[in-house]
C-alpha atoms as a PDB file:
ATOM      1  CA  MET A   1      18.487  33.524  -2.597  1.00  0.00           C
ATOM      2  CA  LYS A   2      18.341  35.419  -5.611  1.00  0.00           C
ATOM      3  CA  LEU A   3      15.206  37.403  -6.491  1.00  0.00           C
ATOM      4  CA  THR A   4      14.781  39.326  -9.943  1.00  0.00           C
ATOM      5  CA  VAL A   5      11.748  41.706 -10.516  1.00  0.00           C
ATOM      6  CA  LYS A   6      10.923  44.064 -13.323  1.00  0.00           C
ATOM      7  CA  ILE A   7       9.819  47.523 -12.260  1.00  0.00           C
ATOM      8  CA  THR A   8       6.572  48.790 -13.317  1.00  0.00           C
ATOM      9  CA  HIS A   9       5.175  52.163 -14.120  1.00  0.00           C
ATOM     10  CA  LYS A  10       3.498  52.158 -10.949  1.00  0.00           C
ATOM     11  CA  GLU A  11       6.702  51.621  -8.938  1.00  0.00           C
ATOM     12  CA  GLN A  12       9.035  53.792 -10.852  1.00  0.00           C
ATOM     13  CA  GLY A  13      10.279  57.046  -9.177  1.00  0.00           C
ATOM     14  CA  VAL A  14      10.984  55.553  -5.583  1.00  0.00           C
ATOM     15  CA  THR A  15      14.280  54.466  -4.219  1.00  0.00           C
ATOM     16  CA  VAL A  16      15.315  50.941  -3.697  1.00  0.00           C
ATOM     17  CA  LYS A  17      15.125  51.333   0.060  1.00  0.00           C
ATOM     18  CA  GLN A  18      11.554  52.761  -0.417  1.00  0.00           C
ATOM     19  CA  TYR A  19      10.672  49.947  -2.629  1.00  0.00           C
ATOM     20  CA  LEU A  20      11.833  47.305  -0.120  1.00  0.00           C
ATOM     21  CA  ALA A  21       9.635  48.985   2.451  1.00  0.00           C
ATOM     22  CA  GLU A  22       6.622  49.085   0.244  1.00  0.00           C
ATOM     23  CA  GLN A  23       7.162  45.334  -0.518  1.00  0.00           C
ATOM     24  CA  GLY A  24       7.187  44.601   3.268  1.00  0.00           C
ATOM     25  CA  TYR A  25      10.897  44.096   3.904  1.00  0.00           C
ATOM     26  CA  SER A  26      11.758  44.819   7.512  1.00  0.00           C
ATOM     27  CA  THR A  27      14.686  47.070   8.537  1.00  0.00           C
ATOM     28  CA  SER A  28      16.784  44.138   9.435  1.00  0.00           C
ATOM     29  CA  GLN A  29      16.090  42.527   6.048  1.00  0.00           C
ATOM     30  CA  THR A  30      16.969  45.679   4.126  1.00  0.00           C
ATOM     31  CA  LYS A  31      20.315  45.958   6.144  1.00  0.00           C
ATOM     32  CA  ARG A  32      21.248  42.274   5.555  1.00  0.00           C
ATOM     33  CA  LEU A  33      20.858  43.186   1.714  1.00  0.00           C
ATOM     34  CA  LYS A  34      22.809  46.398   1.957  1.00  0.00           C
ATOM     35  CA  TYR A  35      25.832  45.088   3.991  1.00  0.00           C
ATOM     36  CA  GLY A  36      25.923  41.314   3.309  1.00  0.00           C
ATOM     37  CA  GLY A  37      24.016  40.854  -0.010  1.00  0.00           C
ATOM     38  CA  VAL A  38      23.762  42.056  -3.642  1.00  0.00           C
ATOM     39  CA  ILE A  39      21.465  44.936  -4.921  1.00  0.00           C
ATOM     40  CA  ALA A  40      21.668  45.419  -8.570  1.00  0.00           C
ATOM     41  CA  VAL A  41      19.707  47.335 -11.295  1.00  0.00           C
ATOM     42  CA  ASN A  42      20.182  46.039 -14.756  1.00  0.00           C
ATOM     43  CA  ASP A  43      23.017  44.021 -13.736  1.00  0.00           C
ATOM     44  CA  GLU A  44      24.840  47.014 -12.400  1.00  0.00           C
ATOM     45  CA  PRO A  45      25.437  47.377  -8.455  1.00  0.00           C
ATOM     46  CA  VAL A  46      23.572  50.102  -6.811  1.00  0.00           C
ATOM     47  CA  THR A  47      23.006  51.424  -3.327  1.00  0.00           C
ATOM     48  CA  VAL A  48      19.633  51.634  -1.542  1.00  0.00           C
ATOM     49  CA  ARG A  49      19.271  55.473  -2.566  1.00  0.00           C
ATOM     50  CA  HIS A  50      19.191  54.340  -6.306  1.00  0.00           C
ATOM     51  CA  VAL A  51      15.985  55.751  -8.066  1.00  0.00           C
ATOM     52  CA  LEU A  52      14.093  53.147  -9.878  1.00  0.00           C
ATOM     53  CA  GLN A  53      12.651  53.514 -13.232  1.00  0.00           C
ATOM     54  CA  GLU A  54      10.055  51.761 -15.357  1.00  0.00           C
ATOM     55  CA  GLY A  55      11.631  48.723 -17.083  1.00  0.00           C
ATOM     56  CA  ASP A  56      14.379  48.512 -14.665  1.00  0.00           C
ATOM     57  CA  VAL A  57      15.370  44.868 -13.570  1.00  0.00           C
ATOM     58  CA  LEU A  58      16.069  44.878  -9.791  1.00  0.00           C
ATOM     59  CA  THR A  59      18.050  42.003  -8.539  1.00  0.00           C
ATOM     60  CA  LEU A  60      18.307  41.045  -4.879  1.00  0.00           C
ATOM     61  CA  GLU A  61      20.642  38.510  -3.357  1.00  0.00           C
ATOM     62  CA  THR A  62      20.816  37.560   0.296  1.00  0.00           C
ATOM     63  CA  GLU A  63      23.934  36.275   1.976  1.00  0.00           C
ATOM     64  CA  GLN A  64      23.393  32.709   2.890  1.00  0.00           C
ATOM     65  CA  ARG A  65      24.374  31.991   6.410  1.00  0.00           C
ATOM     66  CA  PRO A  66      26.381  28.865   6.978  1.00  0.00           C
ATOM     67  CA  SER A  67      24.768  25.882   8.551  1.00  0.00           C
ATOM     68  CA  SER A  68      25.290  22.317   9.144  1.00  0.00           C
ATOM     69  CA  PRO A  69      23.867  20.159   6.559  1.00  0.00           C
ATOM     70  CA  LEU A  70      20.963  17.895   7.184  1.00  0.00           C
ATOM     71  CA  VAL A  71      21.164  14.166   6.660  1.00  0.00           C
ATOM     72  CA  ALA A  72      18.976  13.424   3.735  1.00  0.00           C
ATOM     73  CA  THR A  73      16.528  10.279   4.225  1.00  0.00           C
ATOM     74  CA  ILE A  74      13.488   9.522   2.360  1.00  0.00           C
ATOM     75  CA  PRO A  75      11.738  12.413   0.448  1.00  0.00           C
ATOM     76  CA  ALA A  76       9.042  14.424   2.038  1.00  0.00           C
ATOM     77  CA  GLU A  77       5.472  14.827   0.305  1.00  0.00           C
ATOM     78  CA  ILE A  78       5.608  18.331  -1.363  1.00  0.00           C
ATOM     79  CA  LEU A  79       2.189  19.640  -2.140  1.00  0.00           C
ATOM     80  CA  PHE A  80       3.101  22.995  -3.252  1.00  0.00           C
ATOM     81  CA  VAL A  81       6.398  24.531  -4.144  1.00  0.00           C
ATOM     82  CA  ASP A  82       7.963  27.656  -6.020  1.00  0.00           C
ATOM     83  CA  GLU A  83      11.396  29.381  -5.937  1.00  0.00           C
ATOM     84  CA  HIS A  84      10.461  30.878  -2.503  1.00  0.00           C
ATOM     85  CA  LEU A  85       8.359  28.561  -0.267  1.00  0.00           C
ATOM     86  CA  TYR A  86       6.648  25.203  -0.183  1.00  0.00           C
ATOM     87  CA  VAL A  87       3.892  23.281   1.759  1.00  0.00           C
ATOM     88  CA  ALA A  88       4.573  19.737   2.811  1.00  0.00           C
ATOM     89  CA  LYS A  89       2.862  16.882   4.623  1.00  0.00           C
ATOM     90  CA  LYS A  90       4.363  15.859   7.714  1.00  0.00           C
ATOM     91  CA  PRO A  91       3.591  12.386   8.864  1.00  0.00           C
ATOM     92  CA  TYR A  92       2.498  11.375  12.297  1.00  0.00           C
ATOM     93  CA  GLY A  93       5.038  10.586  14.762  1.00  0.00           C
ATOM     94  CA  VAL A  94       7.770  12.391  13.084  1.00  0.00           C
ATOM     95  CA  ALA A  95       9.454  15.430  14.821  1.00  0.00           C
ATOM     96  CA  ILE A  96      10.277  18.515  12.583  1.00  0.00           C
ATOM     97  CA  HIS A  97      13.637  19.475  13.978  1.00  0.00           C
ATOM     98  CA  PRO A  98      16.675  17.165  14.448  1.00  0.00           C
ATOM     99  CA  ASP A  99      18.138  17.274  17.936  1.00  0.00           C
ATOM    100  CA  ARG A 100      20.974  15.059  19.776  1.00  0.00           C
ATOM    101  CA  ALA A 101      18.682  12.168  19.927  1.00  0.00           C
ATOM    102  CA  HIS A 102      17.189  12.478  16.483  1.00  0.00           C
ATOM    103  CA  LYS A 103      19.666  13.386  13.719  1.00  0.00           C
ATOM    104  CA  SER A 104      18.419  11.486  10.540  1.00  0.00           C
ATOM    105  CA  ASP A 105      14.646  10.501  11.444  1.00  0.00           C
ATOM    106  CA  THR A 106      12.954  13.862  11.459  1.00  0.00           C
ATOM    107  CA  PHE A 107      11.006  15.916   8.996  1.00  0.00           C
ATOM    108  CA  GLY A 108      13.721  18.148   8.346  1.00  0.00           C
ATOM    109  CA  ASN A 109      15.860  15.125   6.968  1.00  0.00           C
ATOM    110  CA  MET A 110      12.848  14.246   4.737  1.00  0.00           C
ATOM    111  CA  LEU A 111      12.975  17.869   3.452  1.00  0.00           C
ATOM    112  CA  ALA A 112      16.623  17.715   2.918  1.00  0.00           C
ATOM    113  CA  ALA A 113      16.050  14.641   0.640  1.00  0.00           C
ATOM    114  CA  SER A 114      13.440  16.587  -1.297  1.00  0.00           C
ATOM    115  CA  PHE A 115      15.372  19.891  -1.785  1.00  0.00           C
ATOM    116  CA  GLY A 116      19.003  18.928  -1.907  1.00  0.00           C
ATOM    117  CA  GLU A 117      22.262  19.248  -0.027  1.00  0.00           C
ATOM    118  CA  ASN A 118      22.050  23.094   0.217  1.00  0.00           C
ATOM    119  CA  PHE A 119      18.627  22.979   1.905  1.00  0.00           C
ATOM    120  CA  ARG A 120      18.154  24.873   5.248  1.00  0.00           C
ATOM    121  CA  LEU A 121      15.342  24.088   7.542  1.00  0.00           C
ATOM    122  CA  ARG A 122      12.942  27.242   7.893  1.00  0.00           C
ATOM    123  CA  ILE A 123       9.669  26.037   9.066  1.00  0.00           C
ATOM    124  CA  VAL A 124       6.992  28.825   9.464  1.00  0.00           C
ATOM    125  CA  THR A 125       4.006  26.844  10.712  1.00  0.00           C
ATOM    126  CA  ARG A 126       5.140  24.019  13.135  1.00  0.00           C
ATOM    127  CA  LEU A 127       3.303  20.994  14.169  1.00  0.00           C
ATOM    128  CA  ASP A 128       3.922  18.750  17.129  1.00  0.00           C
ATOM    129  CA  LYS A 129       5.381  15.333  16.697  1.00  0.00           C
ATOM    130  CA  THR A 130       2.034  13.727  17.363  1.00  0.00           C
ATOM    131  CA  THR A 131       0.054  16.011  14.777  1.00  0.00           C
ATOM    132  CA  SER A 132       0.190  15.051  11.202  1.00  0.00           C
ATOM    133  CA  GLY A 133      -0.569  17.421   8.067  1.00  0.00           C
ATOM    134  CA  LEU A 134       0.409  20.456   6.395  1.00  0.00           C
ATOM    135  CA  VAL A 135       3.551  22.604   7.218  1.00  0.00           C
ATOM    136  CA  LEU A 136       4.618  25.665   5.400  1.00  0.00           C
ATOM    137  CA  GLY A 137       8.481  26.459   5.062  1.00  0.00           C
ATOM    138  CA  ALA A 138      10.545  29.078   3.362  1.00  0.00           C
ATOM    139  CA  LEU A 139      13.544  28.309   0.901  1.00  0.00           C
ATOM    140  CA  ASP A 140      15.338  31.558   1.992  1.00  0.00           C
ATOM    141  CA  GLU A 141      15.770  33.775   4.812  1.00  0.00           C
ATOM    142  CA  VAL A 142      13.920  36.888   3.272  1.00  0.00           C
ATOM    143  CA  THR A 143      10.770  34.778   2.517  1.00  0.00           C
ATOM    144  CA  ALA A 144      11.085  33.387   6.003  1.00  0.00           C
ATOM    145  CA  GLU A 145      10.752  36.805   7.401  1.00  0.00           C
ATOM    146  CA  LYS A 146       7.972  37.598   5.316  1.00  0.00           C
ATOM    147  CA  LEU A 147       5.931  34.342   6.140  1.00  0.00           C
ATOM    148  CA  ASN A 148       6.792  34.777   9.745  1.00  0.00           C
ATOM    149  CA  ALA A 149       5.287  38.417   9.630  1.00  0.00           C
ATOM    150  CA  LEU A 150       2.060  37.011   8.125  1.00  0.00           C
ATOM    151  CA  GLN A 151       2.127  34.247  10.957  1.00  0.00           C
ATOM    152  CA  GLN A 152       2.505  37.057  13.578  1.00  0.00           C
ATOM    153  CA  ARG A 153      -0.556  38.981  12.188  1.00  0.00           C
ATOM    154  CA  HIS A 154      -2.675  35.774  12.052  1.00  0.00           C
ATOM    155  CA  GLU A 155      -2.738  36.001   8.325  1.00  0.00           C
ATOM    156  CA  ILE A 156      -1.996  32.294   7.800  1.00  0.00           C
ATOM    157  CA  ALA A 157      -5.250  30.429   8.074  1.00  0.00           C
ATOM    158  CA  LYS A 158      -4.801  26.668   9.475  1.00  0.00           C
ATOM    159  CA  THR A 159      -7.769  24.368   9.568  1.00  0.00           C
ATOM    160  CA  TYR A 160      -7.342  20.986  11.523  1.00  0.00           C
ATOM    161  CA  ILE A 161      -9.512  17.776  11.634  1.00  0.00           C
ATOM    162  CA  ALA A 162      -9.777  16.335  15.027  1.00  0.00           C
ATOM    163  CA  LEU A 163     -11.634  13.191  16.395  1.00  0.00           C
ATOM    164  CA  VAL A 164     -12.596  13.879  19.934  1.00  0.00           C
ATOM    165  CA  GLU A 165     -14.086  11.635  22.884  1.00  0.00           C
ATOM    166  CA  GLY A 166     -17.789  12.101  23.376  1.00  0.00           C
ATOM    167  CA  VAL A 167     -20.638  13.641  21.346  1.00  0.00           C
ATOM    168  CA  LEU A 168     -20.811  17.460  21.188  1.00  0.00           C
ATOM    169  CA  GLU A 169     -24.304  18.604  20.982  1.00  0.00           C
ATOM    170  CA  ASN A 170     -23.622  22.276  19.462  1.00  0.00           C
ATOM    171  CA  GLU A 171     -23.107  22.264  15.669  1.00  0.00           C
ATOM    172  CA  ASN A 172     -20.230  24.818  16.245  1.00  0.00           C
ATOM    173  CA  GLY A 173     -18.672  26.963  18.947  1.00  0.00           C
ATOM    174  CA  GLU A 174     -15.707  28.941  20.091  1.00  0.00           C
ATOM    175  CA  ILE A 175     -13.583  28.232  23.135  1.00  0.00           C
ATOM    176  CA  ASP A 176     -12.284  31.396  24.702  1.00  0.00           C
ATOM    177  CA  LEU A 177      -9.953  30.202  27.751  1.00  0.00           C
ATOM    178  CA  PRO A 178      -6.579  31.643  28.583  1.00  0.00           C
ATOM    179  CA  LEU A 179      -3.825  29.156  28.432  1.00  0.00           C
ATOM    180  CA  ALA A 180      -0.432  28.844  30.245  1.00  0.00           C
ATOM    181  CA  ARG A 181       2.483  26.513  29.642  1.00  0.00           C
ATOM    182  CA  ILE A 182       3.979  24.156  32.196  1.00  0.00           C
ATOM    183  CA  ASP A 183       7.152  23.343  30.770  1.00  0.00           C
ATOM    184  CA  ALA A 184       8.262  20.644  33.372  1.00  0.00           C
ATOM    185  CA  GLU A 185       5.194  18.560  32.113  1.00  0.00           C
ATOM    186  CA  ASN A 186       5.400  19.487  28.592  1.00  0.00           C
ATOM    187  CA  LYS A 187       1.627  20.632  28.959  1.00  0.00           C
ATOM    188  CA  THR A 188      -0.532  23.685  28.409  1.00  0.00           C
ATOM    189  CA  VAL A 189      -3.287  24.149  30.925  1.00  0.00           C
ATOM    190  CA  VAL A 190      -6.309  26.625  31.351  1.00  0.00           C
ATOM    191  CA  ASP A 191      -5.185  29.503  33.799  1.00  0.00           C
ATOM    192  CA  LEU A 192      -7.734  32.072  34.223  1.00  0.00           C
ATOM    193  CA  GLU A 193      -5.324  34.382  36.265  1.00  0.00           C
ATOM    194  CA  CYS A 194      -1.927  33.978  34.291  1.00  0.00           C
ATOM    195  CA  GLY A 195      -2.646  32.424  31.108  1.00  0.00           C
ATOM    196  CA  LYS A 196      -2.535  34.202  27.636  1.00  0.00           C
ATOM    197  CA  PRO A 197      -5.577  34.902  25.690  1.00  0.00           C
ATOM    198  CA  SER A 198      -6.265  31.948  23.485  1.00  0.00           C
ATOM    199  CA  LYS A 199      -9.356  31.151  21.249  1.00  0.00           C
ATOM    200  CA  THR A 200     -10.346  28.075  19.182  1.00  0.00           C
ATOM    201  CA  ARG A 201     -13.258  27.744  16.770  1.00  0.00           C
ATOM    202  CA  TYR A 202     -14.760  24.434  15.971  1.00  0.00           C
ATOM    203  CA  GLY A 203     -17.604  23.004  13.822  1.00  0.00           C
ATOM    204  CA  VAL A 204     -19.002  19.332  13.821  1.00  0.00           C
ATOM    205  CA  LYS A 205     -18.480  17.332  10.745  1.00  0.00           C
ATOM    206  CA  LYS A 206     -19.954  13.953  11.955  1.00  0.00           C
ATOM    207  CA  ARG A 207     -21.268  12.386  15.105  1.00  0.00           C
ATOM    208  CA  ASN A 208     -20.294   8.797  15.955  1.00  0.00           C
ATOM    209  CA  GLU A 209     -21.625   6.746  18.788  1.00  0.00           C
ATOM    210  CA  ASN A 210     -18.862   7.624  21.151  1.00  0.00           C
ATOM    211  CA  THR A 211     -16.872  10.279  19.214  1.00  0.00           C
ATOM    212  CA  THR A 212     -17.184  13.458  17.211  1.00  0.00           C
ATOM    213  CA  LEU A 213     -15.122  14.411  14.168  1.00  0.00           C
ATOM    214  CA  LEU A 214     -14.458  18.331  14.146  1.00  0.00           C
ATOM    215  CA  THR A 215     -13.020  20.925  12.001  1.00  0.00           C
ATOM    216  CA  VAL A 216     -10.908  23.163  14.182  1.00  0.00           C
ATOM    217  CA  THR A 217      -9.467  26.698  13.632  1.00  0.00           C
ATOM    218  CA  PRO A 218      -7.121  28.024  16.107  1.00  0.00           C
ATOM    219  CA  LEU A 219      -7.557  31.892  16.230  1.00  0.00           C
ATOM    220  CA  THR A 220      -4.406  32.158  18.451  1.00  0.00           C
ATOM    221  CA  GLY A 221      -1.250  30.184  18.303  1.00  0.00           C
ATOM    222  CA  ARG A 222      -0.309  28.874  21.668  1.00  0.00           C
ATOM    223  CA  THR A 223       1.545  25.536  22.094  1.00  0.00           C
ATOM    224  CA  HIS A 224      -0.976  22.649  22.231  1.00  0.00           C
ATOM    225  CA  GLN A 225      -3.717  24.945  22.065  1.00  0.00           C
ATOM    226  CA  ILE A 226      -6.191  22.873  20.371  1.00  0.00           C
ATOM    227  CA  ARG A 227      -5.353  19.704  22.490  1.00  0.00           C
ATOM    228  CA  ALA A 228      -5.660  21.868  25.749  1.00  0.00           C
ATOM    229  CA  HIS A 229      -8.788  23.579  24.680  1.00  0.00           C
ATOM    230  CA  LEU A 230     -10.688  20.455  23.618  1.00  0.00           C
ATOM    231  CA  ALA A 231      -9.809  18.901  26.843  1.00  0.00           C
ATOM    232  CA  ALA A 232     -10.968  21.738  28.764  1.00  0.00           C
ATOM    233  CA  ILE A 233     -14.560  21.477  27.430  1.00  0.00           C
ATOM    234  CA  GLY A 234     -14.439  17.667  28.288  1.00  0.00           C
ATOM    235  CA  HIS A 235     -13.722  16.407  24.821  1.00  0.00           C
ATOM    236  CA  PRO A 236     -10.043  15.477  24.684  1.00  0.00           C
ATOM    237  CA  ILE A 237      -8.644  14.360  21.089  1.00  0.00           C
ATOM    238  CA  VAL A 238      -8.855  10.496  20.744  1.00  0.00           C
ATOM    239  CA  GLY A 239      -5.531   9.057  21.702  1.00  0.00           C
ATOM    240  CA  ASP A 240      -4.186  12.099  23.552  1.00  0.00           C
ATOM    241  CA  THR A 241      -3.233  10.645  26.961  1.00  0.00           C
ATOM    242  CA  LEU A 242      -1.489  13.714  28.034  1.00  0.00           C
ATOM    243  CA  TYR A 243      -4.713  15.635  28.164  1.00  0.00           C
ATOM    244  CA  GLY A 244      -6.803  12.950  29.639  1.00  0.00           C
ATOM    245  CA  ALA A 245      -7.973  10.561  26.665  1.00  0.00           C
ATOM    246  CA  SER A 246      -7.907   6.952  26.525  1.00  0.00           C
ATOM    247  CA  PRO A 247      -4.974   5.431  24.680  1.00  0.00           C
ATOM    248  CA  ALA A 248      -5.318   4.723  20.712  1.00  0.00           C
ATOM    249  CA  GLU A 249      -3.066   4.110  17.875  1.00  0.00           C
ATOM    250  CA  ARG A 250      -2.404   7.695  17.435  1.00  0.00           C
ATOM    251  CA  ILE A 251      -3.553  11.310  18.494  1.00  0.00           C
ATOM    252  CA  MET A 252      -6.219  11.993  16.045  1.00  0.00           C
ATOM    253  CA  LEU A 253      -5.280  15.535  15.078  1.00  0.00           C
ATOM    254  CA  HIS A 254      -4.265  16.589  11.401  1.00  0.00           C
ATOM    255  CA  CYS A 255      -3.662  19.932   9.830  1.00  0.00           C
ATOM    256  CA  GLU A 256      -5.827  19.593   6.688  1.00  0.00           C
ATOM    257  CA  ARG A 257      -5.681  23.029   5.202  1.00  0.00           C
ATOM    258  CA  LEU A 258      -3.353  26.115   4.753  1.00  0.00           C
ATOM    259  CA  THR A 259      -4.580  29.454   3.271  1.00  0.00           C
ATOM    260  CA  PHE A 260      -2.294  32.406   2.934  1.00  0.00           C
ATOM    261  CA  THR A 261      -1.350  35.377   0.624  1.00  0.00           C
ATOM    262  CA  HIS A 262       1.830  34.545  -1.278  1.00  0.00           C
ATOM    263  CA  PRO A 263       4.132  37.384  -0.093  1.00  0.00           C
ATOM    264  CA  TYR A 264       5.521  37.998  -3.590  1.00  0.00           C
ATOM    265  CA  THR A 265       2.656  37.361  -6.089  1.00  0.00           C
ATOM    266  CA  GLY A 266      -0.180  38.504  -3.865  1.00  0.00           C
ATOM    267  CA  GLU A 267      -2.043  35.414  -4.876  1.00  0.00           C
ATOM    268  CA  GLN A 268      -4.182  33.445  -2.454  1.00  0.00           C
ATOM    269  CA  VAL A 269      -2.407  29.950  -1.929  1.00  0.00           C
ATOM    270  CA  VAL A 270      -4.738  27.251  -0.438  1.00  0.00           C
ATOM    271  CA  VAL A 271      -3.375  23.690  -0.006  1.00  0.00           C
ATOM    272  CA  THR A 272      -5.451  20.746   1.423  1.00  0.00           C
ATOM    273  CA  SER A 273      -4.415  17.233   2.667  1.00  0.00           C
ATOM    274  CA  PRO A 274      -7.311  15.083   4.066  1.00  0.00           C
ATOM    275  CA  ALA A 275      -6.736  13.187   7.339  1.00  0.00           C
ATOM    276  CA  ASP A 276      -6.432   9.393   7.142  1.00  0.00           C
ATOM    277  CA  PHE A 277      -9.072   9.299   9.880  1.00  0.00           C
ATOM    278  CA  ASN A 278     -11.626  11.600   8.331  1.00  0.00           C
ATOM    279  CA  ARG A 279     -14.502   9.316   8.965  1.00  0.00           C
END
């Protein structure tokens, strides 16, 4: 991936290494550029000790690691894209990553059809196979690390729509229950002794006769967090039989909104995608 930026008066007088640190590059990212990439100023190769001046054009190019190409299928629905990252809508029932059993029917294959033969799958905000909605991905390794750092600092806000069994009385609430993973059962459960701190916030959008439509925001990022938390308060997501709900045509959970600060422009990016069960 190639990135070109023009140095401003505010940024002049610092070394390339200092500039990279100020832009949020990790030590490993800087080393990757230093030893396996290209660093140039005004089209001339320089070291990380080079002092930048106003008006300089700094070019950074990271080495692309080899990987097996993804089989391209039908294109994904891309809702936001630039040279660094994208937000796409994942359909219900489609796994994100290919594996031995699914080599050509995954969301990765759909993304490959959208971006071409050199595409590499770098998903930042993952969704279960049974959850539909917005997914954030990076188009290069440097951007992937920057977005993953945002994710780790809980600076990527995700809002979900969930249709749950039963009628909730409170207009909003916060579920603060520690969760633990049971890998053998592919399940997450409340564990007051050994579970990791987990918080989920919700608000009522609409009450029906036997169900409630919620907006849900996970404040932590545990596997199956929303599903486990809503089940723990007696309101499993409609169709989520793993967590005690009755069978339905699908699990009614959808990532409706992603909000984050663009790692290069500093602008706030907001992408929305309504759920098809938003009723």
